Amino acid sequence: MAQGAPVVDSARLARTGLFVLTCINLFNYVDRYVVAALGESLRHSPLHVSDTQFGLLTSGFIVVYMLAAPVFGTLGDTGSRTRLIAAGIFIWSVATALGGLAWSFVSLLGARALVGIGEAAYGTISPSLLADYFPRRYRGRVFSIFFAAIPVGTALGYVVGGLLDVHFGWRSAFFFVGAPGLVLAALSLRLYDPPRGIQDPTDALGASHRLRGGAARAAYATLARNRPYVLTVLGYAAYTFALGGMAVFLPKFLMRIRGLTESMTTVGSGLVLVATGLVGTTVGGWVADRLLARTRQAYLWVSGVATLVAAPVGLVALLAPSPVVYWTALVLAELLLFSSTGPINSAIVNLVAPEMRASAVAVSILMIHVLGDVPSPTILGAISDASTLARAVLIIPAAILLGGVIWTYGAWRGERMAGVEPSP
């Protein structure tokens, strides 16, 4: 911590920041995935949204999100992080509500794309803020708490969107979930924005990256030369391809292929997401932090091994006709997948210098979406329209397996390089 700063106040500000940012992240994913619960209603509405178009709704959002991310990454490394976050929340909340006014597929696509601009500001900047709140040894747990909002928020998007759709129509879902963001935008302005790098000692890794980073214009070239970072992001892209397709099409799969009702699907999958997300992210972050005392590659080992095991379990969940078998396999697969969330994001911020963290997160966002959940919903939708949804979803476990292989290789390579390089 900075000299002269009250330890108690600094700890309180850090905890407050974690709480507020996690709450914001919760509504971030509620707004992002409320549309997933509305797929069948949109299909039968006057908008006549096909499966391919439904995939494009997510892809359109992600395209704008990933293109805006590098802009906010640069701004987040130089400007006021709290003001940028507040502006982003305001934009995405208003854009979500605008979705309820859509009169055609194109207008709905435009509203969902606008959500991506606001969420890009928050998604790129908040991890760098958290890294400056807490020291390295706690980041696995801290990021697990923060990212536990993803499954919970996604589940709430399913449940709230589905229930509002059933009782009041699909338009009401967009109006309802967009409103809380205006309050959260005001709260974010009151957060503490600490000096960048205040929690990080100048070690050999950081010094090396700072020397190569130099001016801001060289930051992205520096990241491209950082091989551990590149491997981590490539594995994350395969993982995101799988999760993006699953998040959008799992409700449709359960309703169309397994014959569940909309209420059963949204509530059932929502409950599974909440339970597995909270348990998986908490356990994954805790285990990775404990293993960090033994190896600096702990975050990649935990993510890689858990994802490798999740691939065959996920395949069983998609193929088994028995409800007992596919629900059990789905729970286990999601537990394993969510255990990677905290560790892998901790690895990303730890592999770069503090003054480049927002840029590093921005590049990560760009790449995981370009290679991940931008193409996956559209690809799955196109295969479903051309063949069957049951066949289309089989791409998901293959992508999970690829992500696990890349992360495990990255951990093994890191161990090997550590054995031949001098200790800091």
Foldseek 3Di string as FASTA:
>chain_A
DDPPDDPVVLLVLLVVLLVLLLVLLLLLQLLLQLLLLCVVVCCPDPQNQALLLLLLLNLLQLVLLLVLQLVLLLCLLPHDLLLLLLVLLLQLLVLLLQCLVDPYSVSNSVSSNSNSNSVSSSQLRSVLQSPLSDALLQQLQSQLSSCLSNLLSLLCSLQQQLVCCVPPNNSVSSNVSSPVSNVSSVVSNPRDRDDFPPRPDDDPLAVVQCVQCPDVVRLVVSCVVLVLLVLLLVLLLLLQQLVLQCSNCVLVCCCPVLVDDSNCSSNVSSVLSSVLSNQLSNVLSVQLSVCCVVPVLSLLVLLLVLLQVLLVLCVQLLPDNDPVSNSVSVSSSSSSNNSNRSSSLSVQQVNYHRSSRSSSSSVSSNRSSVSHNSVNSSQLSVCCVVPNNSVSSNVNSVSSNVSSVSSNVSSVVVVVVVVVDDDD
